[in-house]
Amino acid sequence: MKTIVFEMGLLGFFVSAVIFGAQGVGLFDLIARAFIVFIGIELAGTAVLAMIMSPSREPVIEVQENLNTADPAKRHNPAVQTKA
């Protein structure tokens, strides 16, 4: 996934370099602006991946609820099987 974000950043860098070059911008300004576009795409892609791939907290809450149960028979313990 990191390589996809990096490749998208490189694509943005080169496309913006072509666009800025067609506008007649100086070489240093062209590289600086294209690098800013690259950094923007990298940060945005990283933020999107962080939101998509964030771990779920639901199992942790479930375990805490089971541990806080006062009745030991209601606690989830796979080693102990209770009769119904």
PDB file of N, CA and C in Angstrom:
ATOM      1  N   MET A   1       0.811  -1.188   0.000  1.00  0.00           N
ATOM      2  CA  MET A   1       0.000   0.000   0.000  1.00  0.00           C
ATOM      3  C   MET A   1       0.861   1.260   0.000  1.00  0.00           C
ATOM      4  N   LYS A   2       1.990   1.186   0.705  1.00  0.00           N
ATOM      5  CA  LYS A   2       2.862   2.360   0.737  1.00  0.00           C
ATOM      6  C   LYS A   2       3.422   2.660  -0.639  1.00  0.00           C
ATOM      7  N   THR A   3       3.698   1.620  -1.417  1.00  0.00           N
ATOM      8  CA  THR A   3       4.256   1.856  -2.746  1.00  0.00           C
ATOM      9  C   THR A   3       3.225   2.502  -3.662  1.00  0.00           C
ATOM     10  N   ILE A   4       1.941   2.165  -3.476  1.00  0.00           N
ATOM     11  CA  ILE A   4       0.900   2.780  -4.301  1.00  0.00           C
ATOM     12  C   ILE A   4       0.822   4.272  -4.004  1.00  0.00           C
ATOM     13  N   VAL A   5       0.875   4.634  -2.728  1.00  0.00           N
ATOM     14  CA  VAL A   5       0.829   6.049  -2.349  1.00  0.00           C
ATOM     15  C   VAL A   5       2.067   6.766  -2.900  1.00  0.00           C
ATOM     16  N   PHE A   6       3.223   6.127  -2.803  1.00  0.00           N
ATOM     17  CA  PHE A   6       4.453   6.737  -3.321  1.00  0.00           C
ATOM     18  C   PHE A   6       4.376   6.935  -4.835  1.00  0.00           C
ATOM     19  N   GLU A   7       3.868   5.924  -5.541  1.00  0.00           N
ATOM     20  CA  GLU A   7       3.756   6.034  -6.991  1.00  0.00           C
ATOM     21  C   GLU A   7       2.745   7.103  -7.400  1.00  0.00           C
ATOM     22  N   MET A   8       1.669   7.243  -6.642  1.00  0.00           N
ATOM     23  CA  MET A   8       0.709   8.318  -6.923  1.00  0.00           C
ATOM     24  C   MET A   8       1.366   9.679  -6.693  1.00  0.00           C
ATOM     25  N   GLY A   9       2.199   9.782  -5.665  1.00  0.00           N
ATOM     26  CA  GLY A   9       2.924  11.025  -5.415  1.00  0.00           C
ATOM     27  C   GLY A   9       3.884  11.354  -6.543  1.00  0.00           C
ATOM     28  N   LEU A  10       4.584  10.338  -7.025  1.00  0.00           N
ATOM     29  CA  LEU A  10       5.493  10.566  -8.159  1.00  0.00           C
ATOM     30  C   LEU A  10       4.730  10.980  -9.413  1.00  0.00           C
ATOM     31  N   LEU A  11       3.597  10.349  -9.643  1.00  0.00           N
ATOM     32  CA  LEU A  11       2.783  10.723 -10.799  1.00  0.00           C
ATOM     33  C   LEU A  11       2.343  12.182 -10.682  1.00  0.00           C
ATOM     34  N   GLY A  12       1.905  12.569  -9.489  1.00  0.00           N
ATOM     35  CA  GLY A  12       1.518  13.959  -9.273  1.00  0.00           C
ATOM     36  C   GLY A  12       2.674  14.915  -9.472  1.00  0.00           C
ATOM     37  N   PHE A  13       3.874  14.504  -9.033  1.00  0.00           N
ATOM     38  CA  PHE A  13       5.062  15.330  -9.200  1.00  0.00           C
ATOM     39  C   PHE A  13       5.347  15.593 -10.674  1.00  0.00           C
ATOM     40  N   PHE A  14       5.366  14.530 -11.466  1.00  0.00           N
ATOM     41  CA  PHE A  14       5.725  14.680 -12.874  1.00  0.00           C
ATOM     42  C   PHE A  14       4.633  15.373 -13.680  1.00  0.00           C
ATOM     43  N   VAL A  15       3.382  15.085 -13.381  1.00  0.00           N
ATOM     44  CA  VAL A  15       2.294  15.765 -14.091  1.00  0.00           C
ATOM     45  C   VAL A  15       2.307  17.256 -13.775  1.00  0.00           C
ATOM     46  N   SER A  16       2.485  17.586 -12.492  1.00  0.00           N
ATOM     47  CA  SER A  16       2.533  19.009 -12.135  1.00  0.00           C
ATOM     48  C   SER A  16       3.774  19.679 -12.720  1.00  0.00           C
ATOM     49  N   ALA A  17       4.891  18.943 -12.821  1.00  0.00           N
ATOM     50  CA  ALA A  17       6.086  19.514 -13.442  1.00  0.00           C
ATOM     51  C   ALA A  17       5.823  19.848 -14.908  1.00  0.00           C
ATOM     52  N   VAL A  18       5.111  18.982 -15.604  1.00  0.00           N
ATOM     53  CA  VAL A  18       4.780  19.246 -17.008  1.00  0.00           C
ATOM     54  C   VAL A  18       3.849  20.446 -17.114  1.00  0.00           C
ATOM     55  N   ILE A  19       2.854  20.510 -16.235  1.00  0.00           N
ATOM     56  CA  ILE A  19       1.902  21.621 -16.281  1.00  0.00           C
ATOM     57  C   ILE A  19       2.598  22.942 -15.966  1.00  0.00           C
ATOM     58  N   PHE A  20       3.422  22.951 -14.907  1.00  0.00           N
ATOM     59  CA  PHE A  20       4.130  24.185 -14.556  1.00  0.00           C
ATOM     60  C   PHE A  20       5.147  24.557 -15.636  1.00  0.00           C
ATOM     61  N   GLY A  21       5.768  23.551 -16.266  1.00  0.00           N
ATOM     62  CA  GLY A  21       6.713  23.829 -17.347  1.00  0.00           C
ATOM     63  C   GLY A  21       6.020  24.445 -18.553  1.00  0.00           C
ATOM     64  N   ALA A  22       4.801  24.015 -18.820  1.00  0.00           N
ATOM     65  CA  ALA A  22       4.055  24.566 -19.951  1.00  0.00           C
ATOM     66  C   ALA A  22       3.637  26.008 -19.691  1.00  0.00           C
ATOM     67  N   GLN A  23       3.565  26.383 -18.409  1.00  0.00           N
ATOM     68  CA  GLN A  23       3.200  27.757 -18.068  1.00  0.00           C
ATOM     69  C   GLN A  23       4.396  28.699 -18.131  1.00  0.00           C
ATOM     70  N   GLY A  24       5.576  28.154 -18.334  1.00  0.00           N
ATOM     71  CA  GLY A  24       6.764  28.986 -18.465  1.00  0.00           C
ATOM     72  C   GLY A  24       7.380  29.379 -17.133  1.00  0.00           C
ATOM     73  N   VAL A  25       7.167  28.578 -16.107  1.00  0.00           N
ATOM     74  CA  VAL A  25       7.740  28.853 -14.787  1.00  0.00           C
ATOM     75  C   VAL A  25       9.232  28.514 -14.820  1.00  0.00           C
ATOM     76  N   GLY A  26      10.041  29.220 -14.052  1.00  0.00           N
ATOM     77  CA  GLY A  26      11.472  28.937 -13.979  1.00  0.00           C
ATOM     78  C   GLY A  26      11.743  27.548 -13.409  1.00  0.00           C
ATOM     79  N   LEU A  27      12.946  27.042 -13.669  1.00  0.00           N
ATOM     80  CA  LEU A  27      13.278  25.672 -13.288  1.00  0.00           C
ATOM     81  C   LEU A  27      13.194  25.452 -11.780  1.00  0.00           C
ATOM     82  N   PHE A  28      13.763  26.362 -10.991  1.00  0.00           N
ATOM     83  CA  PHE A  28      13.727  26.204  -9.538  1.00  0.00           C
ATOM     84  C   PHE A  28      12.296  26.262  -9.013  1.00  0.00           C
ATOM     85  N   ASP A  29      11.502  27.200  -9.504  1.00  0.00           N
ATOM     86  CA  ASP A  29      10.106  27.302  -9.086  1.00  0.00           C
ATOM     87  C   ASP A  29       9.313  26.073  -9.517  1.00  0.00           C
ATOM     88  N   LEU A  30       9.609  25.577 -10.697  1.00  0.00           N
ATOM     89  CA  LEU A  30       8.935  24.382 -11.190  1.00  0.00           C
ATOM     90  C   LEU A  30       9.180  23.198 -10.260  1.00  0.00           C
ATOM     91  N   ILE A  31      10.430  22.966  -9.901  1.00  0.00           N
ATOM     92  CA  ILE A  31      10.770  21.837  -9.025  1.00  0.00           C
ATOM     93  C   ILE A  31      10.180  22.034  -7.633  1.00  0.00           C
ATOM     94  N   ALA A  32      10.228  23.260  -7.125  1.00  0.00           N
ATOM     95  CA  ALA A  32       9.690  23.532  -5.788  1.00  0.00           C
ATOM     96  C   ALA A  32       8.181  23.307  -5.747  1.00  0.00           C
ATOM     97  N   ARG A  33       7.471  23.805  -6.738  1.00  0.00           N
ATOM     98  CA  ARG A  33       6.010  23.635  -6.772  1.00  0.00           C
ATOM     99  C   ARG A  33       5.627  22.172  -6.974  1.00  0.00           C
ATOM    100  N   ALA A  34       6.352  21.481  -7.841  1.00  0.00           N
ATOM    101  CA  ALA A  34       6.060  20.062  -8.071  1.00  0.00           C
ATOM    102  C   ALA A  34       6.345  19.246  -6.805  1.00  0.00           C
ATOM    103  N   PHE A  35       7.373  19.624  -6.057  1.00  0.00           N
ATOM    104  CA  PHE A  35       7.667  18.926  -4.802  1.00  0.00           C
ATOM    105  C   PHE A  35       6.567  19.178  -3.771  1.00  0.00           C
ATOM    106  N   ILE A  36       6.022  20.381  -3.743  1.00  0.00           N
ATOM    107  CA  ILE A  36       4.918  20.681  -2.835  1.00  0.00           C
ATOM    108  C   ILE A  36       3.694  19.833  -3.192  1.00  0.00           C
ATOM    109  N   VAL A  37       3.437  19.656  -4.476  1.00  0.00           N
ATOM    110  CA  VAL A  37       2.334  18.788  -4.911  1.00  0.00           C
ATOM    111  C   VAL A  37       2.603  17.353  -4.479  1.00  0.00           C
ATOM    112  N   PHE A  38       3.831  16.900  -4.636  1.00  0.00           N
ATOM    113  CA  PHE A  38       4.217  15.547  -4.224  1.00  0.00           C
ATOM    114  C   PHE A  38       3.973  15.342  -2.727  1.00  0.00           C
ATOM    115  N   ILE A  39       4.412  16.279  -1.908  1.00  0.00           N
ATOM    116  CA  ILE A  39       4.232  16.166  -0.455  1.00  0.00           C
ATOM    117  C   ILE A  39       2.744  16.168  -0.097  1.00  0.00           C
ATOM    118  N   GLY A  40       1.961  17.013  -0.769  1.00  0.00           N
ATOM    119  CA  GLY A  40       0.518  17.055  -0.510  1.00  0.00           C
ATOM    120  C   GLY A  40      -0.168  15.739  -0.823  1.00  0.00           C
ATOM    121  N   ILE A  41       0.188  15.133  -1.950  1.00  0.00           N
ATOM    122  CA  ILE A  41      -0.404  13.851  -2.324  1.00  0.00           C
ATOM    123  C   ILE A  41       0.028  12.762  -1.348  1.00  0.00           C
ATOM    124  N   GLU A  42       1.286  12.782  -0.939  1.00  0.00           N
ATOM    125  CA  GLU A  42       1.771  11.785   0.016  1.00  0.00           C
ATOM    126  C   GLU A  42       1.043  11.893   1.361  1.00  0.00           C
ATOM    127  N   LEU A  43       0.882  13.109   1.864  1.00  0.00           N
ATOM    128  CA  LEU A  43       0.202  13.296   3.144  1.00  0.00           C
ATOM    129  C   LEU A  43      -1.267  12.896   3.055  1.00  0.00           C
ATOM    130  N   ALA A  44      -1.923  13.263   1.981  1.00  0.00           N
ATOM    131  CA  ALA A  44      -3.328  12.903   1.816  1.00  0.00           C
ATOM    132  C   ALA A  44      -3.502  11.388   1.687  1.00  0.00           C
ATOM    133  N   GLY A  45      -2.643  10.760   0.909  1.00  0.00           N
ATOM    134  CA  GLY A  45      -2.716   9.302   0.755  1.00  0.00           C
ATOM    135  C   GLY A  45      -2.440   8.570   2.049  1.00  0.00           C
ATOM    136  N   THR A  46      -1.483   9.057   2.816  1.00  0.00           N
ATOM    137  CA  THR A  46      -1.168   8.441   4.100  1.00  0.00           C
ATOM    138  C   THR A  46      -2.330   8.594   5.071  1.00  0.00           C
ATOM    139  N   ALA A  47      -2.969   9.762   5.069  1.00  0.00           N
ATOM    140  CA  ALA A  47      -4.119   9.983   5.954  1.00  0.00           C
ATOM    141  C   ALA A  47      -5.283   9.069   5.586  1.00  0.00           C
ATOM    142  N   VAL A  48      -5.529   8.908   4.300  1.00  0.00           N
ATOM    143  CA  VAL A  48      -6.614   8.028   3.862  1.00  0.00           C
ATOM    144  C   VAL A  48      -6.318   6.585   4.251  1.00  0.00           C
ATOM    145  N   LEU A  49      -5.101   6.134   4.048  1.00  0.00           N
ATOM    146  CA  LEU A  49      -4.743   4.769   4.433  1.00  0.00           C
ATOM    147  C   LEU A  49      -4.825   4.566   5.938  1.00  0.00           C
ATOM    148  N   ALA A  50      -4.450   5.566   6.712  1.00  0.00           N
ATOM    149  CA  ALA A  50      -4.531   5.443   8.165  1.00  0.00           C
ATOM    150  C   ALA A  50      -5.978   5.310   8.627  1.00  0.00           C
ATOM    151  N   MET A  51      -6.888   6.017   7.960  1.00  0.00           N
ATOM    152  CA  MET A  51      -8.300   5.906   8.336  1.00  0.00           C
ATOM    153  C   MET A  51      -8.890   4.568   7.904  1.00  0.00           C
ATOM    154  N   ILE A  52      -8.485   4.090   6.743  1.00  0.00           N
ATOM    155  CA  ILE A  52      -9.035   2.828   6.235  1.00  0.00           C
ATOM    156  C   ILE A  52      -8.513   1.636   7.019  1.00  0.00           C
ATOM    157  N   MET A  53      -7.239   1.641   7.344  1.00  0.00           N
ATOM    158  CA  MET A  53      -6.613   0.480   7.954  1.00  0.00           C
ATOM    159  C   MET A  53      -6.492   0.580   9.475  1.00  0.00           C
ATOM    160  N   SER A  54      -7.253   1.451  10.119  1.00  0.00           N
ATOM    161  CA  SER A  54      -7.173   1.571  11.573  1.00  0.00           C
ATOM    162  C   SER A  54      -7.797   0.332  12.211  1.00  0.00           C
ATOM    163  N   PRO A  55      -7.200  -0.173  13.279  1.00  0.00           N
ATOM    164  CA  PRO A  55      -7.726  -1.382  13.917  1.00  0.00           C
ATOM    165  C   PRO A  55      -9.045  -1.092  14.634  1.00  0.00           C
ATOM    166  N   SER A  56      -9.886  -2.091  14.683  1.00  0.00           N
ATOM    167  CA  SER A  56     -11.177  -1.951  15.350  1.00  0.00           C
ATOM    168  C   SER A  56     -10.993  -2.101  16.852  1.00  0.00           C
ATOM    169  N   ARG A  57     -11.721  -1.335  17.620  1.00  0.00           N
ATOM    170  CA  ARG A  57     -11.618  -1.381  19.084  1.00  0.00           C
ATOM    171  C   ARG A  57     -12.726  -2.227  19.712  1.00  0.00           C
ATOM    172  N   GLU A  58     -13.630  -2.774  18.930  1.00  0.00           N
ATOM    173  CA  GLU A  58     -14.761  -3.513  19.469  1.00  0.00           C
ATOM    174  C   GLU A  58     -14.361  -4.737  20.295  1.00  0.00           C
ATOM    175  N   PRO A  59     -13.437  -5.585  19.861  1.00  0.00           N
ATOM    176  CA  PRO A  59     -13.092  -6.747  20.693  1.00  0.00           C
ATOM    177  C   PRO A  59     -12.525  -6.353  22.055  1.00  0.00           C
ATOM    178  N   VAL A  60     -11.815  -5.252  22.138  1.00  0.00           N
ATOM    179  CA  VAL A  60     -11.248  -4.826  23.414  1.00  0.00           C
ATOM    180  C   VAL A  60     -12.361  -4.470  24.382  1.00  0.00           C
ATOM    181  N   ILE A  61     -13.389  -3.784  23.906  1.00  0.00           N
ATOM    182  CA  ILE A  61     -14.520  -3.409  24.758  1.00  0.00           C
ATOM    183  C   ILE A  61     -15.256  -4.650  25.219  1.00  0.00           C
ATOM    184  N   GLU A  62     -15.435  -5.617  24.328  1.00  0.00           N
ATOM    185  CA  GLU A  62     -16.131  -6.840  24.673  1.00  0.00           C
ATOM    186  C   GLU A  62     -15.377  -7.602  25.764  1.00  0.00           C
ATOM    187  N   VAL A  63     -14.085  -7.671  25.663  1.00  0.00           N
ATOM    188  CA  VAL A  63     -13.288  -8.359  26.672  1.00  0.00           C
ATOM    189  C   VAL A  63     -13.389  -7.630  28.004  1.00  0.00           C
ATOM    190  N   GLN A  64     -13.353  -6.309  27.992  1.00  0.00           N
ATOM    191  CA  GLN A  64     -13.467  -5.558  29.238  1.00  0.00           C
ATOM    192  C   GLN A  64     -14.823  -5.761  29.874  1.00  0.00           C
ATOM    193  N   GLU A  65     -15.894  -5.830  29.087  1.00  0.00           N
ATOM    194  CA  GLU A  65     -17.219  -6.073  29.639  1.00  0.00           C
ATOM    195  C   GLU A  65     -17.298  -7.450  30.269  1.00  0.00           C
ATOM    196  N   ASN A  66     -16.684  -8.443  29.628  1.00  0.00           N
ATOM    197  CA  ASN A  66     -16.696  -9.794  30.182  1.00  0.00           C
ATOM    198  C   ASN A  66     -15.908  -9.869  31.486  1.00  0.00           C
ATOM    199  N   LEU A  67     -14.839  -9.117  31.595  1.00  0.00           N
ATOM    200  CA  LEU A  67     -14.037  -9.141  32.812  1.00  0.00           C
ATOM    201  C   LEU A  67     -14.726  -8.405  33.957  1.00  0.00           C
ATOM    202  N   ASN A  68     -15.575  -7.435  33.631  1.00  0.00           N
ATOM    203  CA  ASN A  68     -16.247  -6.659  34.662  1.00  0.00           C
ATOM    204  C   ASN A  68     -17.527  -7.320  35.163  1.00  0.00           C
ATOM    205  N   THR A  69     -17.909  -8.436  34.598  1.00  0.00           N
ATOM    206  CA  THR A  69     -19.119  -9.118  35.026  1.00  0.00           C
ATOM    207  C   THR A  69     -18.914  -9.684  36.425  1.00  0.00           C
ATOM    208  N   ALA A  70     -19.890  -9.442  37.287  1.00  0.00           N
ATOM    209  CA  ALA A  70     -19.764  -9.888  38.677  1.00  0.00           C
ATOM    210  C   ALA A  70     -19.937 -11.398  38.802  1.00  0.00           C
ATOM    211  N   ASP A  71     -20.798 -11.973  38.018  1.00  0.00           N
ATOM    212  CA  ASP A  71     -21.069 -13.405  38.105  1.00  0.00           C
ATOM    213  C   ASP A  71     -20.003 -14.180  37.335  1.00  0.00           C
ATOM    214  N   PRO A  72     -19.208 -15.025  38.011  1.00  0.00           N
ATOM    215  CA  PRO A  72     -18.144 -15.762  37.305  1.00  0.00           C
ATOM    216  C   PRO A  72     -18.686 -16.708  36.247  1.00  0.00           C
ATOM    217  N   ALA A  73     -19.923 -17.162  36.401  1.00  0.00           N
ATOM    218  CA  ALA A  73     -20.482 -18.090  35.417  1.00  0.00           C
ATOM    219  C   ALA A  73     -20.776 -17.401  34.102  1.00  0.00           C
ATOM    220  N   LYS A  74     -20.993 -16.079  34.134  1.00  0.00           N
ATOM    221  CA  LYS A  74     -21.298 -15.334  32.917  1.00  0.00           C
ATOM    222  C   LYS A  74     -20.047 -14.877  32.176  1.00  0.00           C
ATOM    223  N   ARG A  75     -18.908 -14.975  32.811  1.00  0.00           N
ATOM    224  CA  ARG A  75     -17.661 -14.584  32.141  1.00  0.00           C
ATOM    225  C   ARG A  75     -17.344 -15.557  31.036  1.00  0.00           C
ATOM    226  N   HIS A  76     -16.814 -15.034  29.971  1.00  0.00           N
ATOM    227  CA  HIS A  76     -16.442 -15.880  28.846  1.00  0.00           C
ATOM    228  C   HIS A  76     -15.062 -16.466  29.116  1.00  0.00           C
ATOM    229  N   ASN A  77     -15.036 -17.738  29.336  1.00  0.00           N
ATOM    230  CA  ASN A  77     -13.773 -18.433  29.557  1.00  0.00           C
ATOM    231  C   ASN A  77     -13.829 -19.723  28.749  1.00  0.00           C
ATOM    232  N   PRO A  78     -13.103 -19.833  27.663  1.00  0.00           N
ATOM    233  CA  PRO A  78     -13.186 -21.028  26.824  1.00  0.00           C
ATOM    234  C   PRO A  78     -12.714 -22.292  27.541  1.00  0.00           C
ATOM    235  N   ALA A  79     -11.895 -22.150  28.562  1.00  0.00           N
ATOM    236  CA  ALA A  79     -11.393 -23.329  29.261  1.00  0.00           C
ATOM    237  C   ALA A  79     -12.458 -23.937  30.168  1.00  0.00           C
ATOM    238  N   VAL A  80     -13.396 -23.122  30.643  1.00  0.00           N
ATOM    239  CA  VAL A  80     -14.428 -23.606  31.554  1.00  0.00           C
ATOM    240  C   VAL A  80     -15.745 -23.648  30.809  1.00  0.00           C
ATOM    241  N   GLN A  81     -16.376 -24.807  30.770  1.00  0.00           N
ATOM    242  CA  GLN A  81     -17.668 -24.950  30.112  1.00  0.00           C
ATOM    243  C   GLN A  81     -18.727 -25.151  31.177  1.00  0.00           C
ATOM    244  N   THR A  82     -19.776 -24.337  31.125  1.00  0.00           N
ATOM    245  CA  THR A  82     -20.852 -24.455  32.095  1.00  0.00           C
ATOM    246  C   THR A  82     -21.995 -25.223  31.500  1.00  0.00           C
ATOM    247  N   LYS A  83     -22.755 -25.921  32.345  1.00  0.00           N
ATOM    248  CA  LYS A  83     -23.922 -26.680  31.891  1.00  0.00           C
ATOM    249  C   LYS A  83     -25.115 -25.756  31.825  1.00  0.00           C
ATOM    250  N   ALA A  84     -25.914 -25.934  30.802  1.00  0.00           N
ATOM    251  CA  ALA A  84     -27.075 -25.060  30.615  1.00  0.00           C
ATOM    252  C   ALA A  84     -28.263 -25.525  31.406  1.00  0.00           C
TER     253      ALA A  84
END
